[in-house]
Amino acid sequence: MKQNKNLIEKLIHGDFGLAKTFWLFFVVIGFALQFALQFTLLLSIVASLVAGVLLLSYISMTLIGIWKASAKYETNKIWSLLAKIVVIFGWIYVANDFVNIAFLFI
């Protein structure tokens, strides 16, 4: 098994822990990227589309990481349960946005 994981592998495997994965990667960085995405709308539809797909890919990686980190979390199981509920709603958000992007091509 590979010991030296890169940042993305650590994120996807939940190796940063539940709190850091949720609050830093999902909330802080995720919202910052969503805010930055708004500026791509000023550039072009293509730039906005590419940025949107990249953002949804990032969110997908963080959702997987949150789920796996919550499975490893042993301190207070309520936080693990709440994190998994957020992940379920997160996947609904991601699926909705992918459908909306697909409708741009129809």
PDB file of N, CA and C in Angstrom:
ATOM      1  N   MET A   1       0.838  -1.184   0.000  1.00  0.00           N
ATOM      2  CA  MET A   1       0.000   0.000   0.000  1.00  0.00           C
ATOM      3  C   MET A   1       0.884   1.248   0.000  1.00  0.00           C
ATOM      4  N   LYS A   2       0.481   2.216  -0.755  1.00  0.00           N
ATOM      5  CA  LYS A   2       1.229   3.462  -0.886  1.00  0.00           C
ATOM      6  C   LYS A   2       1.147   4.285   0.401  1.00  0.00           C
ATOM      7  N   GLN A   3       2.294   4.682   0.949  1.00  0.00           N
ATOM      8  CA  GLN A   3       2.321   5.426   2.203  1.00  0.00           C
ATOM      9  C   GLN A   3       2.258   6.932   1.988  1.00  0.00           C
ATOM     10  N   ASN A   4       2.919   7.443   0.962  1.00  0.00           N
ATOM     11  CA  ASN A   4       2.979   8.884   0.720  1.00  0.00           C
ATOM     12  C   ASN A   4       1.822   9.315  -0.173  1.00  0.00           C
ATOM     13  N   LYS A   5       0.732   9.729   0.450  1.00  0.00           N
ATOM     14  CA  LYS A   5      -0.438  10.181  -0.299  1.00  0.00           C
ATOM     15  C   LYS A   5      -0.306  11.668  -0.577  1.00  0.00           C
ATOM     16  N   ASN A   6      -0.808  12.081  -1.740  1.00  0.00           N
ATOM     17  CA  ASN A   6      -0.837  13.514  -2.020  1.00  0.00           C
ATOM     18  C   ASN A   6      -2.075  14.128  -1.359  1.00  0.00           C
ATOM     19  N   LEU A   7      -2.199  15.427  -1.468  1.00  0.00           N
ATOM     20  CA  LEU A   7      -3.274  16.153  -0.802  1.00  0.00           C
ATOM     21  C   LEU A   7      -4.646  15.641  -1.216  1.00  0.00           C
ATOM     22  N   ILE A   8      -4.842  15.400  -2.500  1.00  0.00           N
ATOM     23  CA  ILE A   8      -6.147  14.941  -2.985  1.00  0.00           C
ATOM     24  C   ILE A   8      -6.461  13.553  -2.442  1.00  0.00           C
ATOM     25  N   GLU A   9      -5.479  12.668  -2.431  1.00  0.00           N
ATOM     26  CA  GLU A   9      -5.704  11.325  -1.888  1.00  0.00           C
ATOM     27  C   GLU A   9      -6.046  11.389  -0.400  1.00  0.00           C
ATOM     28  N   LYS A  10      -5.333  12.232   0.338  1.00  0.00           N
ATOM     29  CA  LYS A  10      -5.626  12.383   1.765  1.00  0.00           C
ATOM     30  C   LYS A  10      -7.034  12.937   1.971  1.00  0.00           C
ATOM     31  N   LEU A  11      -7.422  13.892   1.138  1.00  0.00           N
ATOM     32  CA  LEU A  11      -8.759  14.467   1.241  1.00  0.00           C
ATOM     33  C   LEU A  11      -9.823  13.418   0.969  1.00  0.00           C
ATOM     34  N   ILE A  12      -9.683  12.689  -0.120  1.00  0.00           N
ATOM     35  CA  ILE A  12     -10.682  11.688  -0.508  1.00  0.00           C
ATOM     36  C   ILE A  12     -10.775  10.553   0.511  1.00  0.00           C
ATOM     37  N   HIS A  13      -9.667  10.197   1.127  1.00  0.00           N
ATOM     38  CA  HIS A  13      -9.669   9.102   2.106  1.00  0.00           C
ATOM     39  C   HIS A  13     -10.040   9.546   3.515  1.00  0.00           C
ATOM     40  N   GLY A  14     -10.304  10.833   3.694  1.00  0.00           N
ATOM     41  CA  GLY A  14     -10.705  11.330   5.002  1.00  0.00           C
ATOM     42  C   GLY A  14      -9.580  11.361   6.016  1.00  0.00           C
ATOM     43  N   ASP A  15      -8.352  11.448   5.522  1.00  0.00           N
ATOM     44  CA  ASP A  15      -7.181  11.392   6.402  1.00  0.00           C
ATOM     45  C   ASP A  15      -6.942  12.671   7.198  1.00  0.00           C
ATOM     46  N   PHE A  16      -7.611  13.751   6.859  1.00  0.00           N
ATOM     47  CA  PHE A  16      -7.425  15.006   7.596  1.00  0.00           C
ATOM     48  C   PHE A  16      -8.298  15.082   8.845  1.00  0.00           C
ATOM     49  N   GLY A  17      -9.179  14.128   9.021  1.00  0.00           N
ATOM     50  CA  GLY A  17     -10.100  14.148  10.152  1.00  0.00           C
ATOM     51  C   GLY A  17     -11.390  14.846   9.769  1.00  0.00           C
ATOM     52  N   LEU A  18     -12.411  14.579  10.546  1.00  0.00           N
ATOM     53  CA  LEU A  18     -13.744  15.095  10.222  1.00  0.00           C
ATOM     54  C   LEU A  18     -13.818  16.614  10.295  1.00  0.00           C
ATOM     55  N   ALA A  19     -13.322  17.205  11.370  1.00  0.00           N
ATOM     56  CA  ALA A  19     -13.448  18.655  11.543  1.00  0.00           C
ATOM     57  C   ALA A  19     -12.710  19.418  10.446  1.00  0.00           C
ATOM     58  N   LYS A  20     -11.480  19.051  10.167  1.00  0.00           N
ATOM     59  CA  LYS A  20     -10.692  19.759   9.158  1.00  0.00           C
ATOM     60  C   LYS A  20     -11.268  19.542   7.758  1.00  0.00           C
ATOM     61  N   THR A  21     -11.680  18.319   7.477  1.00  0.00           N
ATOM     62  CA  THR A  21     -12.252  18.030   6.153  1.00  0.00           C
ATOM     63  C   THR A  21     -13.536  18.827   5.938  1.00  0.00           C
ATOM     64  N   PHE A  22     -14.386  18.852   6.963  1.00  0.00           N
ATOM     65  CA  PHE A  22     -15.659  19.555   6.834  1.00  0.00           C
ATOM     66  C   PHE A  22     -15.464  21.070   6.815  1.00  0.00           C
ATOM     67  N   TRP A  23     -14.863  21.607   7.879  1.00  0.00           N
ATOM     68  CA  TRP A  23     -14.803  23.060   8.023  1.00  0.00           C
ATOM     69  C   TRP A  23     -13.809  23.727   7.085  1.00  0.00           C
ATOM     70  N   LEU A  24     -12.635  23.171   6.913  1.00  0.00           N
ATOM     71  CA  LEU A  24     -11.640  23.823   6.055  1.00  0.00           C
ATOM     72  C   LEU A  24     -11.906  23.539   4.584  1.00  0.00           C
ATOM     73  N   PHE A  25     -11.916  22.264   4.226  1.00  0.00           N
ATOM     74  CA  PHE A  25     -12.009  21.912   2.810  1.00  0.00           C
ATOM     75  C   PHE A  25     -13.402  22.134   2.218  1.00  0.00           C
ATOM     76  N   PHE A  26     -14.440  21.771   2.964  1.00  0.00           N
ATOM     77  CA  PHE A  26     -15.790  21.885   2.424  1.00  0.00           C
ATOM     78  C   PHE A  26     -16.349  23.296   2.595  1.00  0.00           C
ATOM     79  N   VAL A  27     -16.334  23.810   3.807  1.00  0.00           N
ATOM     80  CA  VAL A  27     -16.977  25.097   4.060  1.00  0.00           C
ATOM     81  C   VAL A  27     -16.107  26.264   3.579  1.00  0.00           C
ATOM     82  N   VAL A  28     -14.922  26.425   4.127  1.00  0.00           N
ATOM     83  CA  VAL A  28     -14.102  27.606   3.824  1.00  0.00           C
ATOM     84  C   VAL A  28     -13.646  27.616   2.368  1.00  0.00           C
ATOM     85  N   ILE A  29     -12.953  26.563   1.959  1.00  0.00           N
ATOM     86  CA  ILE A  29     -12.426  26.539   0.581  1.00  0.00           C
ATOM     87  C   ILE A  29     -13.570  26.403  -0.425  1.00  0.00           C
ATOM     88  N   GLY A  30     -14.569  25.602  -0.109  1.00  0.00           N
ATOM     89  CA  GLY A  30     -15.712  25.431  -1.014  1.00  0.00           C
ATOM     90  C   GLY A  30     -16.450  26.734  -1.271  1.00  0.00           C
ATOM     91  N   PHE A  31     -16.720  27.500  -0.209  1.00  0.00           N
ATOM     92  CA  PHE A  31     -17.410  28.777  -0.391  1.00  0.00           C
ATOM     93  C   PHE A  31     -16.530  29.796  -1.101  1.00  0.00           C
ATOM     94  N   ALA A  32     -15.234  29.780  -0.827  1.00  0.00           N
ATOM     95  CA  ALA A  32     -14.322  30.684  -1.526  1.00  0.00           C
ATOM     96  C   ALA A  32     -14.305  30.376  -3.022  1.00  0.00           C
ATOM     97  N   LEU A  33     -14.310  29.100  -3.368  1.00  0.00           N
ATOM     98  CA  LEU A  33     -14.339  28.724  -4.783  1.00  0.00           C
ATOM     99  C   LEU A  33     -15.672  29.093  -5.433  1.00  0.00           C
ATOM    100  N   GLN A  34     -16.760  28.936  -4.707  1.00  0.00           N
ATOM    101  CA  GLN A  34     -18.064  29.333  -5.250  1.00  0.00           C
ATOM    102  C   GLN A  34     -18.129  30.836  -5.463  1.00  0.00           C
ATOM    103  N   PHE A  35     -17.547  31.588  -4.543  1.00  0.00           N
ATOM    104  CA  PHE A  35     -17.495  33.041  -4.694  1.00  0.00           C
ATOM    105  C   PHE A  35     -16.669  33.416  -5.923  1.00  0.00           C
ATOM    106  N   ALA A  36     -15.522  32.763  -6.098  1.00  0.00           N
ATOM    107  CA  ALA A  36     -14.669  33.024  -7.255  1.00  0.00           C
ATOM    108  C   ALA A  36     -15.369  32.642  -8.555  1.00  0.00           C
ATOM    109  N   LEU A  37     -16.198  31.614  -8.510  1.00  0.00           N
ATOM    110  CA  LEU A  37     -16.939  31.184  -9.694  1.00  0.00           C
ATOM    111  C   LEU A  37     -17.840  32.292 -10.221  1.00  0.00           C
ATOM    112  N   GLN A  38     -18.363  33.118  -9.336  1.00  0.00           N
ATOM    113  CA  GLN A  38     -19.239  34.205  -9.755  1.00  0.00           C
ATOM    114  C   GLN A  38     -18.529  35.170 -10.701  1.00  0.00           C
ATOM    115  N   PHE A  39     -17.228  35.342 -10.522  1.00  0.00           N
ATOM    116  CA  PHE A  39     -16.474  36.240 -11.389  1.00  0.00           C
ATOM    117  C   PHE A  39     -16.242  35.657 -12.781  1.00  0.00           C
ATOM    118  N   THR A  40     -16.283  34.334 -12.909  1.00  0.00           N
ATOM    119  CA  THR A  40     -16.122  33.737 -14.238  1.00  0.00           C
ATOM    120  C   THR A  40     -17.337  34.025 -15.109  1.00  0.00           C
ATOM    121  N   LEU A  41     -18.471  34.306 -14.483  1.00  0.00           N
ATOM    122  CA  LEU A  41     -19.663  34.657 -15.257  1.00  0.00           C
ATOM    123  C   LEU A  41     -19.448  35.944 -16.047  1.00  0.00           C
ATOM    124  N   LEU A  42     -18.569  36.801 -15.546  1.00  0.00           N
ATOM    125  CA  LEU A  42     -18.268  38.047 -16.240  1.00  0.00           C
ATOM    126  C   LEU A  42     -17.379  37.820 -17.460  1.00  0.00           C
ATOM    127  N   LEU A  43     -16.636  36.725 -17.466  1.00  0.00           N
ATOM    128  CA  LEU A  43     -15.702  36.450 -18.562  1.00  0.00           C
ATOM    129  C   LEU A  43     -16.418  35.869 -19.772  1.00  0.00           C
ATOM    130  N   SER A  44     -16.928  34.672 -19.606  1.00  0.00           N
ATOM    131  CA  SER A  44     -17.649  34.024 -20.709  1.00  0.00           C
ATOM    132  C   SER A  44     -18.406  32.823 -20.175  1.00  0.00           C
ATOM    133  N   ILE A  45     -19.317  32.331 -20.976  1.00  0.00           N
ATOM    134  CA  ILE A  45     -20.081  31.148 -20.596  1.00  0.00           C
ATOM    135  C   ILE A  45     -19.186  29.927 -20.557  1.00  0.00           C
ATOM    136  N   VAL A  46     -18.194  29.871 -21.437  1.00  0.00           N
ATOM    137  CA  VAL A  46     -17.281  28.724 -21.463  1.00  0.00           C
ATOM    138  C   VAL A  46     -16.423  28.700 -20.195  1.00  0.00           C
ATOM    139  N   ALA A  47     -15.882  29.854 -19.808  1.00  0.00           N
ATOM    140  CA  ALA A  47     -15.079  29.930 -18.583  1.00  0.00           C
ATOM    141  C   ALA A  47     -15.926  29.566 -17.377  1.00  0.00           C
ATOM    142  N   SER A  48     -17.152  30.027 -17.354  1.00  0.00           N
ATOM    143  CA  SER A  48     -18.055  29.729 -16.252  1.00  0.00           C
ATOM    144  C   SER A  48     -18.385  28.240 -16.206  1.00  0.00           C
ATOM    145  N   LEU A  49     -18.596  27.636 -17.361  1.00  0.00           N
ATOM    146  CA  LEU A  49     -18.902  26.213 -17.446  1.00  0.00           C
ATOM    147  C   LEU A  49     -17.731  25.370 -16.960  1.00  0.00           C
ATOM    148  N   VAL A  50     -16.531  25.694 -17.405  1.00  0.00           N
ATOM    149  CA  VAL A  50     -15.337  24.954 -16.987  1.00  0.00           C
ATOM    150  C   VAL A  50     -15.130  25.112 -15.482  1.00  0.00           C
ATOM    151  N   ALA A  51     -15.255  26.326 -14.979  1.00  0.00           N
ATOM    152  CA  ALA A  51     -15.089  26.576 -13.549  1.00  0.00           C
ATOM    153  C   ALA A  51     -16.158  25.839 -12.742  1.00  0.00           C
ATOM    154  N   GLY A  52     -17.368  25.807 -13.250  1.00  0.00           N
ATOM    155  CA  GLY A  52     -18.450  25.105 -12.565  1.00  0.00           C
ATOM    156  C   GLY A  52     -18.204  23.610 -12.469  1.00  0.00           C
ATOM    157  N   VAL A  53     -17.720  23.007 -13.548  1.00  0.00           N
ATOM    158  CA  VAL A  53     -17.409  21.572 -13.529  1.00  0.00           C
ATOM    159  C   VAL A  53     -16.257  21.289 -12.571  1.00  0.00           C
ATOM    160  N   LEU A  54     -15.251  22.150 -12.580  1.00  0.00           N
ATOM    161  CA  LEU A  54     -14.129  21.978 -11.645  1.00  0.00           C
ATOM    162  C   LEU A  54     -14.595  22.115 -10.196  1.00  0.00           C
ATOM    163  N   LEU A  55     -15.466  23.080  -9.940  1.00  0.00           N
ATOM    164  CA  LEU A  55     -15.993  23.267  -8.594  1.00  0.00           C
ATOM    165  C   LEU A  55     -16.792  22.047  -8.146  1.00  0.00           C
ATOM    166  N   LEU A  56     -17.650  21.530  -9.016  1.00  0.00           N
ATOM    167  CA  LEU A  56     -18.438  20.352  -8.663  1.00  0.00           C
ATOM    168  C   LEU A  56     -17.549  19.129  -8.446  1.00  0.00           C
ATOM    169  N   SER A  57     -16.460  19.044  -9.184  1.00  0.00           N
ATOM    170  CA  SER A  57     -15.505  17.951  -8.974  1.00  0.00           C
ATOM    171  C   SER A  57     -14.851  18.080  -7.608  1.00  0.00           C
ATOM    172  N   TYR A  58     -14.471  19.301  -7.251  1.00  0.00           N
ATOM    173  CA  TYR A  58     -13.871  19.547  -5.935  1.00  0.00           C
ATOM    174  C   TYR A  58     -14.863  19.217  -4.821  1.00  0.00           C
ATOM    175  N   ILE A  59     -16.096  19.675  -4.968  1.00  0.00           N
ATOM    176  CA  ILE A  59     -17.117  19.401  -3.955  1.00  0.00           C
ATOM    177  C   ILE A  59     -17.338  17.896  -3.822  1.00  0.00           C
ATOM    178  N   SER A  60     -17.333  17.185  -4.952  1.00  0.00           N
ATOM    179  CA  SER A  60     -17.505  15.731  -4.915  1.00  0.00           C
ATOM    180  C   SER A  60     -16.386  15.069  -4.120  1.00  0.00           C
ATOM    181  N   MET A  61     -15.147  15.518  -4.336  1.00  0.00           N
ATOM    182  CA  MET A  61     -14.017  14.962  -3.587  1.00  0.00           C
ATOM    183  C   MET A  61     -14.167  15.234  -2.091  1.00  0.00           C
ATOM    184  N   THR A  62     -14.608  16.433  -1.746  1.00  0.00           N
ATOM    185  CA  THR A  62     -14.755  16.755  -0.316  1.00  0.00           C
ATOM    186  C   THR A  62     -15.903  15.969   0.309  1.00  0.00           C
ATOM    187  N   LEU A  63     -16.970  15.738  -0.434  1.00  0.00           N
ATOM    188  CA  LEU A  63     -18.081  14.947   0.099  1.00  0.00           C
ATOM    189  C   LEU A  63     -17.642  13.517   0.382  1.00  0.00           C
ATOM    190  N   ILE A  64     -16.860  12.944  -0.519  1.00  0.00           N
ATOM    191  CA  ILE A  64     -16.322  11.596  -0.285  1.00  0.00           C
ATOM    192  C   ILE A  64     -15.427  11.611   0.947  1.00  0.00           C
ATOM    193  N   GLY A  65     -14.577  12.634   1.058  1.00  0.00           N
ATOM    194  CA  GLY A  65     -13.680  12.751   2.204  1.00  0.00           C
ATOM    195  C   GLY A  65     -14.428  12.914   3.518  1.00  0.00           C
ATOM    196  N   ILE A  66     -15.494  13.713   3.509  1.00  0.00           N
ATOM    197  CA  ILE A  66     -16.300  13.896   4.725  1.00  0.00           C
ATOM    198  C   ILE A  66     -16.932  12.569   5.133  1.00  0.00           C
ATOM    199  N   TRP A  67     -17.467  11.841   4.168  1.00  0.00           N
ATOM    200  CA  TRP A  67     -18.113  10.564   4.473  1.00  0.00           C
ATOM    201  C   TRP A  67     -17.107   9.591   5.102  1.00  0.00           C
ATOM    202  N   LYS A  68     -15.929   9.501   4.486  1.00  0.00           N
ATOM    203  CA  LYS A  68     -14.916   8.570   5.004  1.00  0.00           C
ATOM    204  C   LYS A  68     -14.363   9.036   6.344  1.00  0.00           C
ATOM    205  N   ALA A  69     -14.173  10.353   6.514  1.00  0.00           N
ATOM    206  CA  ALA A  69     -13.684  10.868   7.798  1.00  0.00           C
ATOM    207  C   ALA A  69     -14.717  10.643   8.895  1.00  0.00           C
ATOM    208  N   SER A  70     -15.991  10.766   8.550  1.00  0.00           N
ATOM    209  CA  SER A  70     -17.030  10.558   9.566  1.00  0.00           C
ATOM    210  C   SER A  70     -17.105   9.087   9.977  1.00  0.00           C
ATOM    211  N   ALA A  71     -16.761   8.186   9.058  1.00  0.00           N
ATOM    212  CA  ALA A  71     -16.734   6.761   9.401  1.00  0.00           C
ATOM    213  C   ALA A  71     -15.595   6.455  10.375  1.00  0.00           C
ATOM    214  N   LYS A  72     -14.522   7.242  10.312  1.00  0.00           N
ATOM    215  CA  LYS A  72     -13.375   7.051  11.210  1.00  0.00           C
ATOM    216  C   LYS A  72     -13.545   7.792  12.535  1.00  0.00           C
ATOM    217  N   TYR A  73     -14.474   8.730  12.587  1.00  0.00           N
ATOM    218  CA  TYR A  73     -14.640   9.591  13.763  1.00  0.00           C
ATOM    219  C   TYR A  73     -15.251   8.807  14.907  1.00  0.00           C
ATOM    220  N   GLU A  74     -14.616   8.825  16.070  1.00  0.00           N
ATOM    221  CA  GLU A  74     -15.085   7.999  17.177  1.00  0.00           C
ATOM    222  C   GLU A  74     -15.457   8.790  18.433  1.00  0.00           C
ATOM    223  N   THR A  75     -15.180  10.083  18.470  1.00  0.00           N
ATOM    224  CA  THR A  75     -15.388  10.848  19.698  1.00  0.00           C
ATOM    225  C   THR A  75     -16.865  10.994  20.046  1.00  0.00           C
ATOM    226  N   ASN A  76     -17.616  11.696  19.216  1.00  0.00           N
ATOM    227  CA  ASN A  76     -19.037  11.930  19.472  1.00  0.00           C
ATOM    228  C   ASN A  76     -19.788  11.552  18.200  1.00  0.00           C
ATOM    229  N   LYS A  77     -20.502  10.455  18.245  1.00  0.00           N
ATOM    230  CA  LYS A  77     -21.136   9.903  17.044  1.00  0.00           C
ATOM    231  C   LYS A  77     -22.190  10.826  16.423  1.00  0.00           C
ATOM    232  N   ILE A  78     -22.715  11.791  17.177  1.00  0.00           N
ATOM    233  CA  ILE A  78     -23.709  12.712  16.607  1.00  0.00           C
ATOM    234  C   ILE A  78     -23.082  13.535  15.494  1.00  0.00           C
ATOM    235  N   TRP A  79     -21.791  13.924  15.657  1.00  0.00           N
ATOM    236  CA  TRP A  79     -21.116  14.702  14.615  1.00  0.00           C
ATOM    237  C   TRP A  79     -20.922  13.863  13.361  1.00  0.00           C
ATOM    238  N   SER A  80     -20.649  12.598  13.550  1.00  0.00           N
ATOM    239  CA  SER A  80     -20.508  11.692  12.411  1.00  0.00           C
ATOM    240  C   SER A  80     -21.830  11.574  11.652  1.00  0.00           C
ATOM    241  N   LEU A  81     -22.916  11.417  12.389  1.00  0.00           N
ATOM    242  CA  LEU A  81     -24.248  11.315  11.778  1.00  0.00           C
ATOM    243  C   LEU A  81     -24.620  12.604  11.060  1.00  0.00           C
ATOM    244  N   LEU A  82     -24.408  13.746  11.710  1.00  0.00           N
ATOM    245  CA  LEU A  82     -24.744  15.027  11.088  1.00  0.00           C
ATOM    246  C   LEU A  82     -23.910  15.272   9.829  1.00  0.00           C
ATOM    247  N   ALA A  83     -22.651  14.888   9.868  1.00  0.00           N
ATOM    248  CA  ALA A  83     -21.793  15.039   8.692  1.00  0.00           C
ATOM    249  C   ALA A  83     -22.321  14.206   7.531  1.00  0.00           C
ATOM    250  N   LYS A  84     -22.766  12.994   7.821  1.00  0.00           N
ATOM    251  CA  LYS A  84     -23.299  12.129   6.757  1.00  0.00           C
ATOM    252  C   LYS A  84     -24.599  12.699   6.186  1.00  0.00           C
ATOM    253  N   ILE A  85     -25.406  13.339   7.018  1.00  0.00           N
ATOM    254  CA  ILE A  85     -26.627  13.992   6.523  1.00  0.00           C
ATOM    255  C   ILE A  85     -26.259  15.145   5.585  1.00  0.00           C
ATOM    256  N   VAL A  86     -25.254  15.930   5.962  1.00  0.00           N
ATOM    257  CA  VAL A  86     -24.782  17.018   5.090  1.00  0.00           C
ATOM    258  C   VAL A  86     -24.281  16.456   3.768  1.00  0.00           C
ATOM    259  N   VAL A  87     -23.580  15.336   3.817  1.00  0.00           N
ATOM    260  CA  VAL A  87     -23.073  14.710   2.589  1.00  0.00           C
ATOM    261  C   VAL A  87     -24.221  14.290   1.677  1.00  0.00           C
ATOM    262  N   ILE A  88     -25.269  13.721   2.236  1.00  0.00           N
ATOM    263  CA  ILE A  88     -26.419  13.314   1.421  1.00  0.00           C
ATOM    264  C   ILE A  88     -27.031  14.527   0.716  1.00  0.00           C
ATOM    265  N   PHE A  89     -27.238  15.618   1.464  1.00  0.00           N
ATOM    266  CA  PHE A  89     -27.762  16.833   0.835  1.00  0.00           C
ATOM    267  C   PHE A  89     -26.757  17.419  -0.162  1.00  0.00           C
ATOM    268  N   GLY A  90     -25.479  17.273   0.124  1.00  0.00           N
ATOM    269  CA  GLY A  90     -24.446  17.729  -0.799  1.00  0.00           C
ATOM    270  C   GLY A  90     -24.507  17.005  -2.130  1.00  0.00           C
ATOM    271  N   TRP A  91     -24.732  15.684  -2.096  1.00  0.00           N
ATOM    272  CA  TRP A  91     -24.843  14.927  -3.345  1.00  0.00           C
ATOM    273  C   TRP A  91     -26.083  15.340  -4.132  1.00  0.00           C
ATOM    274  N   ILE A  92     -27.150  15.696  -3.443  1.00  0.00           N
ATOM    275  CA  ILE A  92     -28.340  16.197  -4.143  1.00  0.00           C
ATOM    276  C   ILE A  92     -28.009  17.502  -4.851  1.00  0.00           C
ATOM    277  N   TYR A  93     -27.276  18.375  -4.183  1.00  0.00           N
ATOM    278  CA  TYR A  93     -26.820  19.643  -4.777  1.00  0.00           C
ATOM    279  C   TYR A  93     -25.949  19.384  -6.012  1.00  0.00           C
ATOM    280  N   VAL A  94     -24.994  18.473  -5.888  1.00  0.00           N
ATOM    281  CA  VAL A  94     -24.086  18.166  -7.004  1.00  0.00           C
ATOM    282  C   VAL A  94     -24.872  17.593  -8.184  1.00  0.00           C
ATOM    283  N   ALA A  95     -25.772  16.656  -7.907  1.00  0.00           N
ATOM    284  CA  ALA A  95     -26.570  16.059  -8.990  1.00  0.00           C
ATOM    285  C   ALA A  95     -27.419  17.116  -9.685  1.00  0.00           C
ATOM    286  N   ASN A  96     -28.024  18.006  -8.918  1.00  0.00           N
ATOM    287  CA  ASN A  96     -28.835  19.081  -9.488  1.00  0.00           C
ATOM    288  C   ASN A  96     -27.993  19.985 -10.387  1.00  0.00           C
ATOM    289  N   ASP A  97     -26.816  20.348  -9.923  1.00  0.00           N
ATOM    290  CA  ASP A  97     -25.967  21.224 -10.732  1.00  0.00           C
ATOM    291  C   ASP A  97     -25.464  20.546 -11.997  1.00  0.00           C
ATOM    292  N   PHE A  98     -25.145  19.246 -11.923  1.00  0.00           N
ATOM    293  CA  PHE A  98     -24.732  18.540 -13.132  1.00  0.00           C
ATOM    294  C   PHE A  98     -25.879  18.480 -14.141  1.00  0.00           C
ATOM    295  N   VAL A  99     -27.097  18.302 -13.668  1.00  0.00           N
ATOM    296  CA  VAL A  99     -28.264  18.311 -14.566  1.00  0.00           C
ATOM    297  C   VAL A  99     -28.416  19.690 -15.198  1.00  0.00           C
ATOM    298  N   ASN A 100     -28.263  20.736 -14.400  1.00  0.00           N
ATOM    299  CA  ASN A 100     -28.370  22.094 -14.930  1.00  0.00           C
ATOM    300  C   ASN A 100     -27.299  22.371 -15.975  1.00  0.00           C
ATOM    301  N   ILE A 101     -26.092  21.904 -15.750  1.00  0.00           N
ATOM    302  CA  ILE A 101     -25.006  22.082 -16.743  1.00  0.00           C
ATOM    303  C   ILE A 101     -25.350  21.297 -18.001  1.00  0.00           C
ATOM    304  N   ALA A 102     -25.891  20.093 -17.858  1.00  0.00           N
ATOM    305  CA  ALA A 102     -26.253  19.298 -19.036  1.00  0.00           C
ATOM    306  C   ALA A 102     -27.317  19.990 -19.877  1.00  0.00           C
ATOM    307  N   PHE A 103     -28.256  20.686 -19.234  1.00  0.00           N
ATOM    308  CA  PHE A 103     -29.307  21.373 -19.964  1.00  0.00           C
ATOM    309  C   PHE A 103     -28.773  22.555 -20.785  1.00  0.00           C
ATOM    310  N   LEU A 104     -27.586  23.044 -20.445  1.00  0.00           N
ATOM    311  CA  LEU A 104     -26.976  24.100 -21.255  1.00  0.00           C
ATOM    312  C   LEU A 104     -26.635  23.616 -22.661  1.00  0.00           C
ATOM    313  N   PHE A 105     -26.442  22.293 -22.787  1.00  0.00           N
ATOM    314  CA  PHE A 105     -26.051  21.724 -24.078  1.00  0.00           C
ATOM    315  C   PHE A 105     -27.235  21.194 -24.883  1.00  0.00           C
ATOM    316  N   ILE A 106     -28.420  21.269 -24.328  1.00  0.00           N
ATOM    317  CA  ILE A 106     -29.588  20.750 -25.038  1.00  0.00           C
ATOM    318  C   ILE A 106     -30.205  21.848 -25.886  1.00  0.00           C
TER     319      ILE A 106
END
